[in-house]
Amino acid sequence: MIIFAGAYMLKIVDHILVQEKLTKIRKTGIDRVHFRAGIIEIGILLGYKFADTLEKEKIDVKTPLGTAEGIKIKDKDNLVVITVLRAAIPLVDGILKVFEEAQYGVIGASRSDEHPFKVKVEYIKIPDLGNKVVIVADPMIATGNTMNSILKSIKKHGNPKRLVIFNIICTEEGINKVFKSHPDVEIYTCSVEKELNKYGYIIPGLGDAGDIAFGKPS
């Protein structure tokens, strides 16, 4: 399902396999092994869905018995995948299984636990993004503050051809805030939810993805 809100592009990936994986990882008490596995599989499925939008060209390929018509994905060698530490690591594992040729970058940011949820970008290591197709992976967009800060930092590293967010669960508030500050981005998500609690967590959401995947830091 693709939603155009003015000039903005939001794609809700409602494929039955994606929604089944999302249902499984939401369940209270899921262990980190099955949670990470579910996130990886969602990353693979999002990658396949996104691949349909990449530029392609027709080519001829010689077979043992003749010549067949095939295709080449033109942007496959022009991709950069950026991990938002640490929660996005399994999601990126899945994405890179689809786009093995992609370059890779990481960015780390922390958000305060109290309103207005100020964000500090603490680490960034990414290649030049000029004219690249850039995928920013983050499982959750809650208030939108963290993603806005991340996108602002990313844009200092070049002007990408496309800037795309791969996300699992977001809120209406979060995506509206992101589109307001960064109207050029595309968002691929599995679910859009309406409610945030006072701590900035999505309701019903799935909890803290980083803590579930890797354990709660001391």
N, C-alpha and C. Protein backbone atom coordinates (compact mmCIF):
# COMPACT_ATOMS: atom_id res chain seq x y z
N MET A 1 0.84 -1.18 0.00
CA MET A 1 0.00 0.00 0.00
C MET A 1 0.89 1.25 0.00
N ILE A 2 0.73 2.12 -1.00
CA ILE A 2 1.51 3.35 -1.08
C ILE A 2 0.59 4.53 -0.81
N ILE A 3 1.00 5.38 0.12
CA ILE A 3 0.22 6.55 0.48
C ILE A 3 1.02 7.78 0.09
N PHE A 4 0.45 8.65 -0.73
CA PHE A 4 1.07 9.91 -1.05
C PHE A 4 0.34 11.00 -0.29
N ALA A 5 1.05 11.68 0.61
CA ALA A 5 0.48 12.79 1.37
C ALA A 5 1.13 14.06 0.84
N GLY A 6 0.47 14.71 -0.16
CA GLY A 6 1.11 15.82 -0.82
C GLY A 6 2.28 15.28 -1.63
N ALA A 7 3.48 15.78 -1.37
CA ALA A 7 4.68 15.33 -2.08
C ALA A 7 5.38 14.20 -1.34
N TYR A 8 4.81 13.74 -0.22
CA TYR A 8 5.49 12.76 0.62
C TYR A 8 5.14 11.34 0.18
N MET A 9 6.07 10.41 0.42
CA MET A 9 5.82 9.02 0.04
C MET A 9 6.00 8.11 1.25
N LEU A 10 4.91 7.47 1.63
CA LEU A 10 4.90 6.48 2.71
C LEU A 10 4.38 5.18 2.13
N LYS A 11 5.15 4.11 2.27
CA LYS A 11 4.71 2.80 1.79
C LYS A 11 4.53 1.87 2.98
N ILE A 12 3.31 1.41 3.18
CA ILE A 12 3.01 0.43 4.22
C ILE A 12 3.08 -0.95 3.58
N VAL A 13 4.06 -1.75 4.03
CA VAL A 13 4.27 -3.08 3.45
C VAL A 13 3.35 -4.05 4.16
N ASP A 14 2.21 -4.31 3.53
CA ASP A 14 1.18 -5.13 4.17
C ASP A 14 1.15 -6.56 3.63
N HIS A 15 2.26 -6.99 3.01
CA HIS A 15 2.35 -8.37 2.53
C HIS A 15 2.10 -9.34 3.69
N ILE A 16 1.41 -10.42 3.43
CA ILE A 16 1.00 -11.34 4.49
C ILE A 16 2.19 -11.92 5.26
N LEU A 17 3.31 -12.19 4.59
CA LEU A 17 4.47 -12.74 5.29
C LEU A 17 5.10 -11.71 6.23
N VAL A 18 5.14 -10.45 5.79
CA VAL A 18 5.66 -9.39 6.66
C VAL A 18 4.78 -9.24 7.89
N GLN A 19 3.48 -9.24 7.67
CA GLN A 19 2.56 -9.04 8.79
C GLN A 19 2.57 -10.23 9.76
N GLU A 20 2.81 -11.44 9.23
CA GLU A 20 2.93 -12.60 10.11
C GLU A 20 4.18 -12.49 10.98
N LYS A 21 5.31 -12.08 10.39
CA LYS A 21 6.55 -11.90 11.17
C LYS A 21 6.37 -10.82 12.22
N LEU A 22 5.71 -9.73 11.85
CA LEU A 22 5.46 -8.65 12.80
C LEU A 22 4.62 -9.14 13.97
N THR A 23 3.62 -9.94 13.68
CA THR A 23 2.76 -10.50 14.74
C THR A 23 3.59 -11.32 15.72
N LYS A 24 4.52 -12.12 15.20
CA LYS A 24 5.33 -12.99 16.06
C LYS A 24 6.28 -12.20 16.95
N ILE A 25 6.93 -11.17 16.40
CA ILE A 25 7.92 -10.45 17.21
C ILE A 25 7.28 -9.50 18.21
N ARG A 26 6.00 -9.22 18.07
CA ARG A 26 5.30 -8.37 19.03
C ARG A 26 5.02 -9.09 20.36
N LYS A 27 4.98 -10.41 20.32
CA LYS A 27 4.47 -11.19 21.45
C LYS A 27 5.32 -11.01 22.71
N THR A 28 4.69 -10.71 23.81
CA THR A 28 5.38 -10.57 25.09
C THR A 28 6.13 -11.85 25.44
N GLY A 29 7.37 -11.69 25.89
CA GLY A 29 8.16 -12.84 26.32
C GLY A 29 8.96 -13.51 25.23
N ILE A 30 8.93 -12.99 24.00
CA ILE A 30 9.72 -13.59 22.93
C ILE A 30 11.21 -13.52 23.31
N ASP A 31 11.94 -14.59 23.04
CA ASP A 31 13.37 -14.59 23.38
C ASP A 31 14.15 -13.87 22.29
N ARG A 32 15.37 -13.46 22.62
CA ARG A 32 16.15 -12.63 21.70
C ARG A 32 16.51 -13.35 20.42
N VAL A 33 16.68 -14.68 20.48
CA VAL A 33 17.03 -15.43 19.27
C VAL A 33 15.91 -15.34 18.24
N HIS A 34 14.68 -15.60 18.67
CA HIS A 34 13.56 -15.57 17.73
C HIS A 34 13.19 -14.14 17.35
N PHE A 35 13.42 -13.19 18.26
CA PHE A 35 13.15 -11.79 17.94
C PHE A 35 14.10 -11.32 16.84
N ARG A 36 15.40 -11.58 17.02
CA ARG A 36 16.36 -11.15 16.00
C ARG A 36 16.08 -11.84 14.67
N ALA A 37 15.75 -13.13 14.72
CA ALA A 37 15.45 -13.86 13.49
C ALA A 37 14.25 -13.25 12.76
N GLY A 38 13.24 -12.85 13.52
CA GLY A 38 12.07 -12.22 12.91
C GLY A 38 12.41 -10.89 12.28
N ILE A 39 13.25 -10.10 12.95
CA ILE A 39 13.66 -8.80 12.41
C ILE A 39 14.47 -9.00 11.13
N ILE A 40 15.37 -9.98 11.13
CA ILE A 40 16.17 -10.27 9.93
C ILE A 40 15.27 -10.61 8.75
N GLU A 41 14.27 -11.46 9.00
CA GLU A 41 13.37 -11.86 7.92
C GLU A 41 12.56 -10.68 7.41
N ILE A 42 12.15 -9.80 8.29
CA ILE A 42 11.43 -8.59 7.85
C ILE A 42 12.36 -7.74 6.98
N GLY A 43 13.63 -7.63 7.38
CA GLY A 43 14.59 -6.88 6.57
C GLY A 43 14.72 -7.44 5.16
N ILE A 44 14.75 -8.77 5.05
CA ILE A 44 14.82 -9.42 3.74
C ILE A 44 13.59 -9.08 2.91
N LEU A 45 12.42 -9.19 3.52
CA LEU A 45 11.17 -8.95 2.79
C LEU A 45 11.03 -7.49 2.38
N LEU A 46 11.45 -6.55 3.25
CA LEU A 46 11.43 -5.13 2.88
C LEU A 46 12.39 -4.89 1.71
N GLY A 47 13.55 -5.56 1.75
CA GLY A 47 14.51 -5.41 0.67
C GLY A 47 13.95 -5.87 -0.67
N TYR A 48 13.28 -7.01 -0.67
CA TYR A 48 12.68 -7.50 -1.91
C TYR A 48 11.62 -6.53 -2.43
N LYS A 49 10.81 -6.00 -1.53
CA LYS A 49 9.77 -5.06 -1.94
C LYS A 49 10.37 -3.80 -2.53
N PHE A 50 11.42 -3.29 -1.87
CA PHE A 50 12.06 -2.08 -2.34
C PHE A 50 12.77 -2.28 -3.68
N ALA A 51 13.30 -3.47 -3.89
CA ALA A 51 14.04 -3.76 -5.13
C ALA A 51 13.18 -3.51 -6.38
N ASP A 52 11.88 -3.68 -6.25
CA ASP A 52 10.98 -3.45 -7.38
C ASP A 52 11.00 -2.01 -7.86
N THR A 53 11.45 -1.08 -7.01
CA THR A 53 11.43 0.35 -7.36
C THR A 53 12.76 0.82 -7.95
N LEU A 54 13.78 -0.04 -7.98
CA LEU A 54 15.08 0.37 -8.48
C LEU A 54 15.10 0.38 -10.02
N GLU A 55 15.92 1.24 -10.57
CA GLU A 55 16.04 1.34 -12.02
C GLU A 55 16.64 0.06 -12.58
N LYS A 56 16.12 -0.34 -13.73
CA LYS A 56 16.62 -1.57 -14.37
C LYS A 56 16.71 -1.36 -15.87
N GLU A 57 17.47 -2.24 -16.51
CA GLU A 57 17.59 -2.18 -17.95
C GLU A 57 17.55 -3.60 -18.51
N LYS A 58 17.08 -3.70 -19.74
CA LYS A 58 17.04 -5.00 -20.40
C LYS A 58 18.41 -5.32 -20.97
N ILE A 59 18.80 -6.58 -20.81
CA ILE A 59 20.07 -7.05 -21.37
C ILE A 59 19.85 -8.42 -22.01
N ASP A 60 20.78 -8.79 -22.87
CA ASP A 60 20.77 -10.14 -23.44
C ASP A 60 21.78 -11.00 -22.70
N VAL A 61 21.43 -12.23 -22.45
CA VAL A 61 22.33 -13.15 -21.77
C VAL A 61 22.45 -14.44 -22.59
N LYS A 62 23.70 -14.88 -22.78
CA LYS A 62 23.92 -16.11 -23.53
C LYS A 62 23.67 -17.31 -22.61
N THR A 63 22.89 -18.22 -23.07
CA THR A 63 22.63 -19.47 -22.36
C THR A 63 23.36 -20.60 -23.10
N PRO A 64 23.42 -21.79 -22.52
CA PRO A 64 24.08 -22.91 -23.25
C PRO A 64 23.44 -23.22 -24.59
N LEU A 65 22.17 -22.76 -24.79
CA LEU A 65 21.46 -23.13 -26.02
C LEU A 65 20.99 -21.93 -26.83
N GLY A 66 21.45 -20.74 -26.49
CA GLY A 66 21.00 -19.59 -27.26
C GLY A 66 21.16 -18.29 -26.50
N THR A 67 20.27 -17.34 -26.77
CA THR A 67 20.30 -16.03 -26.13
C THR A 67 18.93 -15.74 -25.55
N ALA A 68 18.92 -15.29 -24.30
CA ALA A 68 17.66 -14.94 -23.63
C ALA A 68 17.68 -13.47 -23.24
N GLU A 69 16.50 -12.92 -23.11
CA GLU A 69 16.37 -11.54 -22.64
C GLU A 69 16.31 -11.55 -21.12
N GLY A 70 17.08 -10.69 -20.48
CA GLY A 70 17.07 -10.59 -19.03
C GLY A 70 17.09 -9.15 -18.59
N ILE A 71 17.32 -8.92 -17.30
CA ILE A 71 17.38 -7.55 -16.78
C ILE A 71 18.60 -7.39 -15.89
N LYS A 72 19.02 -6.16 -15.76
CA LYS A 72 20.08 -5.78 -14.82
C LYS A 72 19.55 -4.64 -13.96
N ILE A 73 19.70 -4.76 -12.63
CA ILE A 73 19.30 -3.68 -11.73
C ILE A 73 20.41 -2.65 -11.72
N LYS A 74 20.14 -1.46 -12.25
CA LYS A 74 21.18 -0.46 -12.46
C LYS A 74 21.71 0.12 -11.14
N ASP A 75 20.86 0.24 -10.15
CA ASP A 75 21.25 0.88 -8.89
C ASP A 75 21.82 -0.09 -7.86
N LYS A 76 21.95 -1.35 -8.21
CA LYS A 76 22.37 -2.35 -7.23
C LYS A 76 23.76 -2.07 -6.67
N ASP A 77 24.64 -1.49 -7.49
CA ASP A 77 25.99 -1.17 -7.04
C ASP A 77 26.09 0.26 -6.51
N ASN A 78 24.96 0.93 -6.39
CA ASN A 78 24.94 2.34 -6.01
C ASN A 78 24.21 2.54 -4.68
N LEU A 79 24.13 1.47 -3.88
CA LEU A 79 23.37 1.49 -2.64
C LEU A 79 24.28 1.68 -1.43
N VAL A 80 23.77 2.43 -0.46
CA VAL A 80 24.41 2.54 0.85
C VAL A 80 23.35 2.21 1.91
N VAL A 81 23.66 1.27 2.79
CA VAL A 81 22.75 0.90 3.88
C VAL A 81 23.36 1.40 5.19
N ILE A 82 22.57 2.14 5.96
CA ILE A 82 23.06 2.74 7.19
C ILE A 82 22.30 2.15 8.39
N THR A 83 23.07 1.64 9.34
CA THR A 83 22.51 1.09 10.57
C THR A 83 22.39 2.17 11.62
N VAL A 84 21.21 2.27 12.24
CA VAL A 84 21.05 3.09 13.43
C VAL A 84 21.30 2.18 14.63
N LEU A 85 22.43 2.40 15.31
CA LEU A 85 22.82 1.53 16.42
C LEU A 85 21.88 1.70 17.60
N ARG A 86 21.61 0.60 18.34
CA ARG A 86 22.03 -0.76 18.04
C ARG A 86 20.87 -1.59 17.53
N ALA A 87 19.66 -1.03 17.66
CA ALA A 87 18.44 -1.79 17.39
C ALA A 87 18.33 -2.26 15.94
N ALA A 88 18.95 -1.53 15.00
CA ALA A 88 18.78 -1.84 13.58
C ALA A 88 19.72 -2.92 13.07
N ILE A 89 20.61 -3.42 13.91
CA ILE A 89 21.60 -4.40 13.43
C ILE A 89 20.94 -5.62 12.78
N PRO A 90 19.95 -6.28 13.42
CA PRO A 90 19.32 -7.43 12.75
C PRO A 90 18.57 -7.04 11.48
N LEU A 91 17.96 -5.86 11.48
CA LEU A 91 17.23 -5.40 10.30
C LEU A 91 18.19 -5.24 9.12
N VAL A 92 19.36 -4.68 9.37
CA VAL A 92 20.36 -4.50 8.33
C VAL A 92 20.93 -5.85 7.88
N ASP A 93 21.07 -6.80 8.81
CA ASP A 93 21.50 -8.15 8.42
C ASP A 93 20.59 -8.70 7.32
N GLY A 94 19.29 -8.48 7.48
CA GLY A 94 18.34 -8.94 6.47
C GLY A 94 18.45 -8.17 5.17
N ILE A 95 18.58 -6.84 5.26
CA ILE A 95 18.67 -6.00 4.06
C ILE A 95 19.90 -6.38 3.23
N LEU A 96 21.03 -6.63 3.91
CA LEU A 96 22.27 -6.94 3.20
C LEU A 96 22.26 -8.33 2.57
N LYS A 97 21.35 -9.18 2.98
CA LYS A 97 21.20 -10.48 2.30
C LYS A 97 20.58 -10.29 0.92
N VAL A 98 19.84 -9.19 0.74
CA VAL A 98 19.25 -8.86 -0.55
C VAL A 98 20.21 -8.02 -1.39
N PHE A 99 20.82 -7.03 -0.75
CA PHE A 99 21.72 -6.11 -1.45
C PHE A 99 23.16 -6.33 -0.98
N GLU A 100 23.73 -7.43 -1.42
CA GLU A 100 25.07 -7.83 -0.96
C GLU A 100 26.15 -6.85 -1.41
N GLU A 101 25.91 -6.14 -2.51
CA GLU A 101 26.92 -5.22 -3.06
C GLU A 101 26.92 -3.87 -2.36
N ALA A 102 25.96 -3.62 -1.49
CA ALA A 102 25.79 -2.29 -0.90
C ALA A 102 26.98 -1.88 -0.04
N GLN A 103 27.27 -0.58 -0.04
CA GLN A 103 28.19 -0.03 0.94
C GLN A 103 27.45 0.07 2.27
N TYR A 104 28.22 0.33 3.32
CA TYR A 104 27.65 0.22 4.67
C TYR A 104 28.11 1.38 5.54
N GLY A 105 27.21 1.87 6.37
CA GLY A 105 27.56 2.92 7.32
C GLY A 105 26.83 2.71 8.62
N VAL A 106 27.34 3.36 9.68
CA VAL A 106 26.70 3.27 11.00
C VAL A 106 26.56 4.65 11.59
N ILE A 107 25.51 4.81 12.39
CA ILE A 107 25.29 6.05 13.12
C ILE A 107 24.69 5.70 14.48
N GLY A 108 25.17 6.34 15.50
CA GLY A 108 24.68 6.12 16.86
C GLY A 108 24.10 7.40 17.43
N ALA A 109 22.93 7.29 18.03
CA ALA A 109 22.28 8.45 18.64
C ALA A 109 21.59 8.02 19.92
N SER A 110 21.50 8.93 20.88
CA SER A 110 20.79 8.65 22.13
C SER A 110 19.71 9.69 22.33
N ARG A 111 18.61 9.24 22.94
CA ARG A 111 17.47 10.11 23.19
C ARG A 111 17.21 10.19 24.68
N SER A 112 16.94 11.38 25.18
CA SER A 112 16.62 11.53 26.60
C SER A 112 15.30 10.85 26.90
N ASP A 113 15.11 10.46 28.15
CA ASP A 113 13.90 9.73 28.55
C ASP A 113 12.76 10.66 28.95
N GLU A 114 12.99 11.95 28.93
CA GLU A 114 11.96 12.89 29.35
C GLU A 114 11.65 13.87 28.22
N HIS A 115 10.38 14.26 28.16
CA HIS A 115 9.92 15.22 27.18
C HIS A 115 10.73 16.50 27.33
N PRO A 116 11.21 17.12 26.24
CA PRO A 116 10.89 16.92 24.83
C PRO A 116 11.76 15.91 24.09
N PHE A 117 12.36 14.94 24.79
CA PHE A 117 13.10 13.84 24.17
C PHE A 117 14.22 14.35 23.25
N LYS A 118 15.11 15.12 23.83
CA LYS A 118 16.23 15.65 23.06
C LYS A 118 17.15 14.53 22.60
N VAL A 119 17.75 14.73 21.43
CA VAL A 119 18.56 13.69 20.80
C VAL A 119 19.99 14.19 20.59
N LYS A 120 20.94 13.30 20.83
CA LYS A 120 22.35 13.60 20.59
C LYS A 120 22.92 12.52 19.67
N VAL A 121 23.45 12.95 18.52
CA VAL A 121 24.14 12.02 17.62
C VAL A 121 25.56 11.89 18.12
N GLU A 122 25.92 10.66 18.52
CA GLU A 122 27.19 10.44 19.21
C GLU A 122 28.27 9.82 18.33
N TYR A 123 27.88 9.17 17.25
CA TYR A 123 28.87 8.50 16.39
C TYR A 123 28.30 8.40 14.99
N ILE A 124 29.15 8.67 14.00
CA ILE A 124 28.73 8.50 12.61
C ILE A 124 29.93 8.11 11.76
N LYS A 125 29.78 7.06 10.99
CA LYS A 125 30.83 6.59 10.09
C LYS A 125 30.15 6.07 8.83
N ILE A 126 30.09 6.92 7.81
CA ILE A 126 29.39 6.55 6.58
C ILE A 126 30.19 7.04 5.37
N PRO A 127 30.02 6.35 4.23
CA PRO A 127 30.73 6.78 3.02
C PRO A 127 30.08 8.01 2.40
N ASP A 128 30.70 8.54 1.37
CA ASP A 128 30.09 9.64 0.64
C ASP A 128 28.76 9.19 0.02
N LEU A 129 27.75 10.04 0.15
CA LEU A 129 26.41 9.65 -0.27
C LEU A 129 25.97 10.34 -1.56
N GLY A 130 26.87 11.08 -2.19
CA GLY A 130 26.50 11.79 -3.40
C GLY A 130 25.96 10.90 -4.49
N ASN A 131 24.72 11.17 -4.90
CA ASN A 131 24.03 10.45 -5.98
C ASN A 131 23.83 8.96 -5.68
N LYS A 132 23.86 8.59 -4.41
CA LYS A 132 23.64 7.19 -4.02
C LYS A 132 22.17 6.97 -3.63
N VAL A 133 21.75 5.72 -3.68
CA VAL A 133 20.47 5.32 -3.11
C VAL A 133 20.76 4.89 -1.67
N VAL A 134 20.24 5.65 -0.72
CA VAL A 134 20.60 5.47 0.69
C VAL A 134 19.41 4.90 1.47
N ILE A 135 19.65 3.78 2.14
CA ILE A 135 18.64 3.17 3.00
C ILE A 135 19.07 3.35 4.45
N VAL A 136 18.25 4.02 5.24
CA VAL A 136 18.49 4.20 6.67
C VAL A 136 17.58 3.23 7.42
N ALA A 137 18.17 2.30 8.16
CA ALA A 137 17.38 1.26 8.84
C ALA A 137 17.24 1.58 10.32
N ASP A 138 15.99 1.66 10.78
CA ASP A 138 15.69 1.85 12.20
C ASP A 138 14.33 1.22 12.46
N PRO A 139 14.24 0.24 13.38
CA PRO A 139 12.98 -0.48 13.57
C PRO A 139 11.81 0.40 13.99
N MET A 140 12.08 1.47 14.75
CA MET A 140 10.98 2.26 15.32
C MET A 140 11.15 3.74 14.99
N ILE A 141 10.06 4.39 14.61
CA ILE A 141 9.98 5.85 14.56
C ILE A 141 8.85 6.23 15.50
N ALA A 142 9.21 6.74 16.67
CA ALA A 142 8.21 7.06 17.70
C ALA A 142 7.87 8.55 17.64
N THR A 143 8.65 9.38 18.32
CA THR A 143 8.39 10.83 18.28
C THR A 143 8.89 11.46 16.99
N GLY A 144 9.82 10.80 16.32
CA GLY A 144 10.43 11.36 15.11
C GLY A 144 11.67 12.18 15.38
N ASN A 145 11.94 12.51 16.65
CA ASN A 145 13.08 13.37 16.97
C ASN A 145 14.41 12.71 16.62
N THR A 146 14.56 11.42 16.98
CA THR A 146 15.81 10.72 16.70
C THR A 146 16.05 10.64 15.20
N MET A 147 15.05 10.24 14.44
CA MET A 147 15.23 10.11 13.00
C MET A 147 15.54 11.45 12.36
N ASN A 148 14.92 12.52 12.80
CA ASN A 148 15.21 13.84 12.23
C ASN A 148 16.67 14.22 12.46
N SER A 149 17.18 13.96 13.66
CA SER A 149 18.57 14.28 13.95
C SER A 149 19.51 13.42 13.12
N ILE A 150 19.17 12.16 12.95
CA ILE A 150 19.99 11.25 12.15
C ILE A 150 20.02 11.70 10.69
N LEU A 151 18.88 12.04 10.13
CA LEU A 151 18.81 12.47 8.74
C LEU A 151 19.60 13.77 8.53
N LYS A 152 19.51 14.67 9.49
CA LYS A 152 20.26 15.92 9.40
C LYS A 152 21.76 15.65 9.34
N SER A 153 22.24 14.72 10.17
CA SER A 153 23.66 14.37 10.17
C SER A 153 24.06 13.66 8.88
N ILE A 154 23.20 12.76 8.41
CA ILE A 154 23.49 12.00 7.20
C ILE A 154 23.65 12.92 5.99
N LYS A 155 22.82 13.93 5.89
CA LYS A 155 22.83 14.82 4.72
C LYS A 155 24.09 15.65 4.61
N LYS A 156 24.89 15.69 5.65
CA LYS A 156 26.18 16.40 5.60
C LYS A 156 27.22 15.62 4.81
N HIS A 157 26.87 14.37 4.45
CA HIS A 157 27.82 13.49 3.76
C HIS A 157 27.50 13.33 2.28
N GLY A 158 26.79 14.28 1.71
CA GLY A 158 26.50 14.23 0.29
C GLY A 158 25.01 14.28 0.00
N ASN A 159 24.70 14.54 -1.25
CA ASN A 159 23.30 14.67 -1.68
C ASN A 159 22.86 13.37 -2.37
N PRO A 160 22.12 12.51 -1.66
CA PRO A 160 21.76 11.22 -2.25
C PRO A 160 20.75 11.33 -3.38
N LYS A 161 20.78 10.34 -4.24
CA LYS A 161 19.78 10.23 -5.31
C LYS A 161 18.41 9.93 -4.74
N ARG A 162 18.38 9.01 -3.77
CA ARG A 162 17.15 8.71 -3.01
C ARG A 162 17.55 8.49 -1.56
N LEU A 163 16.68 8.92 -0.66
CA LEU A 163 16.90 8.73 0.77
C LEU A 163 15.68 8.02 1.33
N VAL A 164 15.90 6.77 1.75
CA VAL A 164 14.79 5.88 2.10
C VAL A 164 14.96 5.36 3.52
N ILE A 165 13.89 5.35 4.29
CA ILE A 165 13.89 4.79 5.64
C ILE A 165 13.21 3.44 5.61
N PHE A 166 13.89 2.41 6.11
CA PHE A 166 13.27 1.10 6.34
C PHE A 166 12.92 1.01 7.82
N ASN A 167 11.66 0.78 8.10
CA ASN A 167 11.13 0.86 9.45
C ASN A 167 10.14 -0.28 9.66
N ILE A 168 9.97 -0.70 10.91
CA ILE A 168 9.00 -1.76 11.21
C ILE A 168 7.71 -1.18 11.77
N ILE A 169 7.82 -0.33 12.79
CA ILE A 169 6.64 0.31 13.37
C ILE A 169 6.92 1.79 13.55
N CYS A 170 5.98 2.62 13.12
CA CYS A 170 6.10 4.06 13.32
C CYS A 170 4.78 4.61 13.83
N THR A 171 4.79 5.88 14.21
CA THR A 171 3.57 6.56 14.64
C THR A 171 3.21 7.65 13.64
N GLU A 172 1.95 8.04 13.66
CA GLU A 172 1.52 9.15 12.82
C GLU A 172 2.29 10.42 13.18
N GLU A 173 2.46 10.66 14.48
CA GLU A 173 3.21 11.83 14.94
C GLU A 173 4.64 11.80 14.41
N GLY A 174 5.28 10.65 14.50
CA GLY A 174 6.67 10.52 14.07
C GLY A 174 6.86 10.75 12.59
N ILE A 175 6.04 10.11 11.77
CA ILE A 175 6.23 10.27 10.32
C ILE A 175 5.88 11.68 9.87
N ASN A 176 4.87 12.29 10.49
CA ASN A 176 4.53 13.67 10.14
C ASN A 176 5.68 14.61 10.47
N LYS A 177 6.33 14.37 11.60
CA LYS A 177 7.46 15.22 12.00
C LYS A 177 8.64 15.01 11.05
N VAL A 178 8.88 13.78 10.65
CA VAL A 178 9.97 13.50 9.72
C VAL A 178 9.70 14.15 8.37
N PHE A 179 8.51 13.98 7.84
CA PHE A 179 8.19 14.57 6.54
C PHE A 179 8.23 16.10 6.57
N LYS A 180 7.86 16.67 7.71
CA LYS A 180 7.89 18.13 7.82
C LYS A 180 9.32 18.66 7.71
N SER A 181 10.28 17.97 8.36
CA SER A 181 11.67 18.41 8.34
C SER A 181 12.45 17.89 7.13
N HIS A 182 12.02 16.72 6.60
CA HIS A 182 12.76 16.09 5.49
C HIS A 182 11.75 15.58 4.45
N PRO A 183 11.14 16.50 3.70
CA PRO A 183 10.09 16.10 2.75
C PRO A 183 10.58 15.25 1.59
N ASP A 184 11.91 15.13 1.44
CA ASP A 184 12.47 14.36 0.33
C ASP A 184 12.58 12.88 0.63
N VAL A 185 12.36 12.45 1.87
CA VAL A 185 12.57 11.05 2.20
C VAL A 185 11.38 10.18 1.78
N GLU A 186 11.67 8.89 1.63
CA GLU A 186 10.63 7.87 1.44
C GLU A 186 10.66 6.98 2.69
N ILE A 187 9.50 6.57 3.15
CA ILE A 187 9.42 5.72 4.33
C ILE A 187 8.73 4.40 3.96
N TYR A 188 9.42 3.29 4.23
CA TYR A 188 8.83 1.96 4.11
C TYR A 188 8.63 1.44 5.53
N THR A 189 7.40 1.09 5.87
CA THR A 189 7.09 0.61 7.21
C THR A 189 6.10 -0.54 7.14
N CYS A 190 5.99 -1.27 8.25
CA CYS A 190 5.05 -2.39 8.32
C CYS A 190 3.77 -2.02 9.06
N SER A 191 3.83 -0.98 9.89
CA SER A 191 2.64 -0.59 10.67
C SER A 191 2.75 0.87 11.09
N VAL A 192 1.63 1.59 10.97
CA VAL A 192 1.53 2.96 11.46
C VAL A 192 0.55 2.98 12.63
N GLU A 193 1.03 3.41 13.80
CA GLU A 193 0.21 3.38 15.01
C GLU A 193 0.03 4.79 15.57
N LYS A 194 -1.00 4.98 16.36
CA LYS A 194 -1.44 6.33 16.71
C LYS A 194 -0.97 6.83 18.06
N GLU A 195 -0.63 5.93 18.96
CA GLU A 195 -0.45 6.36 20.35
C GLU A 195 0.99 6.25 20.81
N LEU A 196 1.43 7.27 21.58
CA LEU A 196 2.70 7.27 22.30
C LEU A 196 2.40 7.45 23.78
N ASN A 197 3.15 6.73 24.65
CA ASN A 197 2.97 6.99 26.07
C ASN A 197 3.87 8.16 26.50
N LYS A 198 3.83 8.51 27.77
CA LYS A 198 4.55 9.69 28.24
C LYS A 198 6.07 9.52 28.16
N TYR A 199 6.52 8.29 28.01
CA TYR A 199 7.95 8.02 27.89
C TYR A 199 8.41 7.97 26.44
N GLY A 200 7.49 8.23 25.52
CA GLY A 200 7.83 8.24 24.10
C GLY A 200 7.87 6.88 23.46
N TYR A 201 7.24 5.87 24.08
CA TYR A 201 7.17 4.53 23.49
C TYR A 201 5.87 4.35 22.73
N ILE A 202 5.95 3.59 21.63
CA ILE A 202 4.78 3.37 20.79
C ILE A 202 3.85 2.37 21.45
N ILE A 203 2.54 2.69 21.41
CA ILE A 203 1.49 1.81 21.92
C ILE A 203 0.61 1.37 20.75
N PRO A 204 0.39 0.05 20.51
CA PRO A 204 0.91 -1.08 21.27
C PRO A 204 2.36 -1.42 20.99
N GLY A 205 2.88 -1.06 19.80
CA GLY A 205 4.29 -1.24 19.52
C GLY A 205 4.78 -2.66 19.73
N LEU A 206 6.04 -2.77 20.18
CA LEU A 206 6.58 -4.09 20.53
C LEU A 206 7.60 -3.99 21.66
N GLY A 207 7.69 -2.83 22.29
CA GLY A 207 8.66 -2.63 23.36
C GLY A 207 9.94 -2.02 22.82
N ASP A 208 11.03 -2.13 23.59
CA ASP A 208 12.32 -1.58 23.19
C ASP A 208 13.06 -2.62 22.34
N ALA A 209 13.14 -2.36 21.03
CA ALA A 209 13.70 -3.35 20.11
C ALA A 209 15.16 -3.68 20.43
N GLY A 210 15.94 -2.68 20.82
CA GLY A 210 17.34 -2.92 21.14
C GLY A 210 17.50 -3.81 22.36
N ASP A 211 16.72 -3.55 23.40
CA ASP A 211 16.79 -4.34 24.62
C ASP A 211 16.35 -5.78 24.39
N ILE A 212 15.28 -5.95 23.61
CA ILE A 212 14.79 -7.31 23.33
C ILE A 212 15.79 -8.10 22.51
N ALA A 213 16.41 -7.43 21.53
CA ALA A 213 17.34 -8.12 20.63
C ALA A 213 18.66 -8.46 21.30
N PHE A 214 19.14 -7.57 22.20
CA PHE A 214 20.51 -7.71 22.68
C PHE A 214 20.64 -7.73 24.20
N GLY A 215 19.55 -7.51 24.93
CA GLY A 215 19.61 -7.44 26.38
C GLY A 215 19.66 -6.00 26.85
N LYS A 216 19.14 -5.77 28.02
CA LYS A 216 19.09 -4.42 28.58
C LYS A 216 20.46 -4.03 29.11
N PRO A 217 20.99 -2.87 28.70
CA PRO A 217 22.31 -2.47 29.19
C PRO A 217 22.28 -2.14 30.68
N SER A 218 23.40 -2.38 31.36
CA SER A 218 23.47 -2.11 32.79
C SER A 218 23.75 -0.63 33.06
